[in-house]
Amino acid sequence: MLALSLWLTLAPTKAYEVVAEIAYQLSSAGSIFAPLGDWLASHLSLRAVRGGALLAWIDTLFTAAEAVLLILRKPWSEWLVALGLGALLPLEIVSLGRRFGIGKLVVLAINAVVVCYLVWRRSRQGKPAPKTPPGPSEARPTVH
């Protein structure tokens, strides 16, 4: 993502030209990807490339922060991972609703399980161990 971020930021015109060429090749080849090429061509603009650069930078920085915090074993780093992964779940659900696929369903299920596990793990680690009342053999003698 860092490379994509840099490319879209430092050479947006070149990135635009490359994507325009890809769109042209897809559209003119008569392949099953022709609708994708048409869609790319109709939505492509320098503004879209700059927006893509911004999104790529946000993802790059978020991923770097996750990596550094996980390496440093910060307890809240898992919350950051759960938040980032959880933010993708609605997009995966929409994608699954638009065009169902078993692969999409498997990815959604795995990501949902990972998010639930991380939230469960973090929430359990923050709670103190439950205190049980002392048994008869552990009772302290009372002083009279």
C-alpha atoms as a PDB file:
ATOM      1  CA  MET A   1       0.000   0.000   0.000  1.00  0.00           C
ATOM      2  CA  LEU A   2       2.901   2.313   0.682  1.00  0.00           C
ATOM      3  CA  ALA A   3       4.102   1.929  -2.902  1.00  0.00           C
ATOM      4  CA  LEU A   4       0.604   2.617  -4.231  1.00  0.00           C
ATOM      5  CA  SER A   5       0.288   5.650  -1.956  1.00  0.00           C
ATOM      6  CA  LEU A   6       3.582   7.048  -3.175  1.00  0.00           C
ATOM      7  CA  TRP A   7       2.793   6.376  -6.834  1.00  0.00           C
ATOM      8  CA  LEU A   8      -0.654   7.976  -6.695  1.00  0.00           C
ATOM      9  CA  THR A   9       0.757  10.977  -4.817  1.00  0.00           C
ATOM     10  CA  LEU A  10       3.963  11.565  -6.760  1.00  0.00           C
ATOM     11  CA  ALA A  11       2.732  10.661 -10.255  1.00  0.00           C
ATOM     12  CA  PRO A  12      -1.062  11.066 -10.397  1.00  0.00           C
ATOM     13  CA  THR A  13      -1.039  11.846 -14.123  1.00  0.00           C
ATOM     14  CA  LYS A  14       0.943   8.701 -14.899  1.00  0.00           C
ATOM     15  CA  ALA A  15      -1.375   6.654 -12.669  1.00  0.00           C
ATOM     16  CA  TYR A  16      -4.351   8.129 -14.532  1.00  0.00           C
ATOM     17  CA  GLU A  17      -2.799   7.183 -17.881  1.00  0.00           C
ATOM     18  CA  VAL A  18      -2.066   3.623 -16.731  1.00  0.00           C
ATOM     19  CA  VAL A  19      -5.612   3.087 -15.441  1.00  0.00           C
ATOM     20  CA  ALA A  20      -7.047   4.652 -18.614  1.00  0.00           C
ATOM     21  CA  GLU A  21      -4.989   2.198 -20.689  1.00  0.00           C
ATOM     22  CA  ILE A  22      -6.152  -0.725 -18.556  1.00  0.00           C
ATOM     23  CA  ALA A  23      -9.758   0.419 -18.967  1.00  0.00           C
ATOM     24  CA  TYR A  24      -9.288   0.697 -22.744  1.00  0.00           C
ATOM     25  CA  GLN A  25      -7.703  -2.754 -22.986  1.00  0.00           C
ATOM     26  CA  LEU A  26     -10.484  -4.313 -20.942  1.00  0.00           C
ATOM     27  CA  SER A  27     -13.228  -2.580 -22.932  1.00  0.00           C
ATOM     28  CA  SER A  28     -11.830  -3.262 -26.402  1.00  0.00           C
ATOM     29  CA  ALA A  29     -10.778  -6.864 -25.876  1.00  0.00           C
ATOM     30  CA  GLY A  30     -14.361  -8.105 -25.937  1.00  0.00           C
ATOM     31  CA  SER A  31     -13.635 -10.151 -22.866  1.00  0.00           C
ATOM     32  CA  ILE A  32     -15.891 -10.817 -19.946  1.00  0.00           C
ATOM     33  CA  PHE A  33     -14.125  -7.874 -18.283  1.00  0.00           C
ATOM     34  CA  ALA A  34     -15.418  -5.363 -20.863  1.00  0.00           C
ATOM     35  CA  PRO A  35     -18.083  -4.007 -18.454  1.00  0.00           C
ATOM     36  CA  LEU A  36     -15.351  -3.414 -15.869  1.00  0.00           C
ATOM     37  CA  GLY A  37     -13.304  -1.503 -18.452  1.00  0.00           C
ATOM     38  CA  ASP A  38     -16.336   0.598 -19.383  1.00  0.00           C
ATOM     39  CA  TRP A  39     -17.041   1.329 -15.727  1.00  0.00           C
ATOM     40  CA  LEU A  40     -13.406   2.324 -15.095  1.00  0.00           C
ATOM     41  CA  ALA A  41     -13.373   4.598 -18.124  1.00  0.00           C
ATOM     42  CA  SER A  42     -16.592   6.335 -17.110  1.00  0.00           C
ATOM     43  CA  HIS A  43     -15.504   6.911 -13.491  1.00  0.00           C
ATOM     44  CA  LEU A  44     -11.846   7.742 -14.043  1.00  0.00           C
ATOM     45  CA  SER A  45     -10.680  11.286 -13.311  1.00  0.00           C
ATOM     46  CA  LEU A  46      -7.687  12.979 -11.724  1.00  0.00           C
ATOM     47  CA  ARG A  47      -9.947  13.775  -8.778  1.00  0.00           C
ATOM     48  CA  ALA A  48     -10.660  10.043  -8.378  1.00  0.00           C
ATOM     49  CA  VAL A  49      -6.921   9.315  -8.530  1.00  0.00           C
ATOM     50  CA  ARG A  50      -6.247  11.933  -5.826  1.00  0.00           C
ATOM     51  CA  GLY A  51      -9.062  10.481  -3.710  1.00  0.00           C
ATOM     52  CA  GLY A  52      -7.544   7.047  -4.181  1.00  0.00           C
ATOM     53  CA  ALA A  53      -4.198   8.427  -3.038  1.00  0.00           C
ATOM     54  CA  LEU A  54      -5.799   9.784   0.130  1.00  0.00           C
ATOM     55  CA  LEU A  55      -7.472   6.445   0.872  1.00  0.00           C
ATOM     56  CA  ALA A  56      -4.223   4.598   0.171  1.00  0.00           C
ATOM     57  CA  TRP A  57      -2.359   6.856   2.627  1.00  0.00           C
ATOM     58  CA  ILE A  58      -5.003   6.351   5.309  1.00  0.00           C
ATOM     59  CA  ASP A  59      -4.739   2.571   4.874  1.00  0.00           C
ATOM     60  CA  THR A  60      -0.934   2.728   4.848  1.00  0.00           C
ATOM     61  CA  LEU A  61      -0.762   4.735   8.073  1.00  0.00           C
ATOM     62  CA  PHE A  62      -3.428   2.651   9.791  1.00  0.00           C
ATOM     63  CA  THR A  63      -1.659  -0.592   8.870  1.00  0.00           C
ATOM     64  CA  ALA A  64       1.714   0.779   9.995  1.00  0.00           C
ATOM     65  CA  ALA A  65       0.216   1.870  13.322  1.00  0.00           C
ATOM     66  CA  GLU A  66      -1.326  -1.579  13.807  1.00  0.00           C
ATOM     67  CA  ALA A  67       1.996  -3.284  13.056  1.00  0.00           C
ATOM     68  CA  VAL A  68       4.077  -1.082  15.348  1.00  0.00           C
ATOM     69  CA  LEU A  69       1.610  -1.311  18.221  1.00  0.00           C
ATOM     70  CA  LEU A  70       1.302  -5.085  17.888  1.00  0.00           C
ATOM     71  CA  ILE A  71       5.088  -5.434  17.855  1.00  0.00           C
ATOM     72  CA  LEU A  72       5.296  -3.274  20.989  1.00  0.00           C
ATOM     73  CA  ARG A  73       2.593  -5.495  22.527  1.00  0.00           C
ATOM     74  CA  LYS A  74       0.372  -2.587  23.467  1.00  0.00           C
ATOM     75  CA  PRO A  75      -2.879  -3.959  24.895  1.00  0.00           C
ATOM     76  CA  TRP A  76      -5.067  -1.574  22.898  1.00  0.00           C
ATOM     77  CA  SER A  77      -3.388  -2.524  19.613  1.00  0.00           C
ATOM     78  CA  GLU A  78      -5.818  -5.428  19.320  1.00  0.00           C
ATOM     79  CA  TRP A  79      -8.683  -2.930  19.646  1.00  0.00           C
ATOM     80  CA  LEU A  80      -7.214  -1.051  16.687  1.00  0.00           C
ATOM     81  CA  VAL A  81      -7.044  -4.240  14.623  1.00  0.00           C
ATOM     82  CA  ALA A  82     -10.618  -5.153  15.597  1.00  0.00           C
ATOM     83  CA  LEU A  83     -11.800  -1.652  14.674  1.00  0.00           C
ATOM     84  CA  GLY A  84     -10.065  -1.724  11.295  1.00  0.00           C
ATOM     85  CA  LEU A  85     -11.313  -5.196  10.447  1.00  0.00           C
ATOM     86  CA  GLY A  86     -14.775  -4.495  11.826  1.00  0.00           C
ATOM     87  CA  ALA A  87     -15.066  -1.402   9.622  1.00  0.00           C
ATOM     88  CA  LEU A  88     -14.755  -3.665   6.577  1.00  0.00           C
ATOM     89  CA  LEU A  89     -17.583  -6.005   7.599  1.00  0.00           C
ATOM     90  CA  PRO A  90     -20.426  -3.748   6.333  1.00  0.00           C
ATOM     91  CA  LEU A  91     -18.666  -3.421   2.974  1.00  0.00           C
ATOM     92  CA  GLU A  92     -18.311  -7.193   2.765  1.00  0.00           C
ATOM     93  CA  ILE A  93     -22.007  -7.628   3.591  1.00  0.00           C
ATOM     94  CA  VAL A  94     -23.014  -5.169   0.853  1.00  0.00           C
ATOM     95  CA  SER A  95     -20.738  -6.945  -1.614  1.00  0.00           C
ATOM     96  CA  LEU A  96     -22.221 -10.281  -0.650  1.00  0.00           C
ATOM     97  CA  GLY A  97     -25.735  -8.889  -1.087  1.00  0.00           C
ATOM     98  CA  ARG A  98     -24.990  -7.534  -4.542  1.00  0.00           C
ATOM     99  CA  ARG A  99     -23.484 -10.723  -5.854  1.00  0.00           C
ATOM    100  CA  PHE A 100     -23.408 -13.804  -3.695  1.00  0.00           C
ATOM    101  CA  GLY A 101     -20.308 -15.946  -3.721  1.00  0.00           C
ATOM    102  CA  ILE A 102     -19.144 -18.728  -1.432  1.00  0.00           C
ATOM    103  CA  GLY A 103     -15.678 -17.164  -1.257  1.00  0.00           C
ATOM    104  CA  LYS A 104     -17.154 -13.839  -0.132  1.00  0.00           C
ATOM    105  CA  LEU A 105     -19.212 -15.631   2.492  1.00  0.00           C
ATOM    106  CA  VAL A 106     -16.153 -17.468   3.816  1.00  0.00           C
ATOM    107  CA  VAL A 107     -14.123 -14.232   4.015  1.00  0.00           C
ATOM    108  CA  LEU A 108     -16.991 -12.473   5.798  1.00  0.00           C
ATOM    109  CA  ALA A 109     -17.350 -15.334   8.282  1.00  0.00           C
ATOM    110  CA  ILE A 110     -13.619 -15.485   9.017  1.00  0.00           C
ATOM    111  CA  ASN A 111     -13.349 -11.715   9.483  1.00  0.00           C
ATOM    112  CA  ALA A 112     -16.422 -11.661  11.737  1.00  0.00           C
ATOM    113  CA  VAL A 113     -15.000 -14.483  13.878  1.00  0.00           C
ATOM    114  CA  VAL A 114     -11.644 -12.673  14.166  1.00  0.00           C
ATOM    115  CA  VAL A 115     -13.340  -9.412  15.206  1.00  0.00           C
ATOM    116  CA  CYS A 116     -15.496 -11.224  17.786  1.00  0.00           C
ATOM    117  CA  TYR A 117     -12.480 -13.097  19.145  1.00  0.00           C
ATOM    118  CA  LEU A 118     -10.374  -9.939  19.497  1.00  0.00           C
ATOM    119  CA  VAL A 119     -13.184  -8.048  21.231  1.00  0.00           C
ATOM    120  CA  TRP A 120     -13.879 -11.014  23.529  1.00  0.00           C
ATOM    121  CA  ARG A 121     -10.177 -11.417  24.327  1.00  0.00           C
ATOM    122  CA  ARG A 122      -9.618  -7.739  25.068  1.00  0.00           C
ATOM    123  CA  SER A 123     -12.754  -7.430  27.168  1.00  0.00           C
ATOM    124  CA  ARG A 124     -11.830 -10.509  29.239  1.00  0.00           C
ATOM    125  CA  GLN A 125      -8.283  -9.355  29.871  1.00  0.00           C
ATOM    126  CA  GLY A 126      -9.474  -6.059  31.281  1.00  0.00           C
ATOM    127  CA  LYS A 127     -11.602  -7.695  34.006  1.00  0.00           C
ATOM    128  CA  PRO A 128     -10.155  -8.833  37.326  1.00  0.00           C
ATOM    129  CA  ALA A 129     -10.506 -12.487  38.261  1.00  0.00           C
ATOM    130  CA  PRO A 130     -13.755 -13.223  40.110  1.00  0.00           C
ATOM    131  CA  LYS A 131     -13.382 -13.439  43.873  1.00  0.00           C
ATOM    132  CA  THR A 132     -14.778 -16.524  45.518  1.00  0.00           C
ATOM    133  CA  PRO A 133     -15.672 -16.571  49.191  1.00  0.00           C
ATOM    134  CA  PRO A 134     -13.203 -18.544  51.287  1.00  0.00           C
ATOM    135  CA  GLY A 135     -14.141 -22.116  52.076  1.00  0.00           C
ATOM    136  CA  PRO A 136     -14.336 -23.503  55.627  1.00  0.00           C
ATOM    137  CA  SER A 137     -10.693 -24.572  55.637  1.00  0.00           C
ATOM    138  CA  GLU A 138      -9.574 -21.159  54.350  1.00  0.00           C
ATOM    139  CA  ALA A 139     -11.589 -19.089  56.815  1.00  0.00           C
ATOM    140  CA  ARG A 140      -9.488 -16.866  59.036  1.00  0.00           C
ATOM    141  CA  PRO A 141      -9.891 -17.284  62.706  1.00  0.00           C
ATOM    142  CA  THR A 142     -11.612 -14.398  64.412  1.00  0.00           C
ATOM    143  CA  VAL A 143      -9.869 -12.691  67.260  1.00  0.00           C
ATOM    144  CA  HIS A 144     -11.999 -12.114  70.402  1.00  0.00           C
END
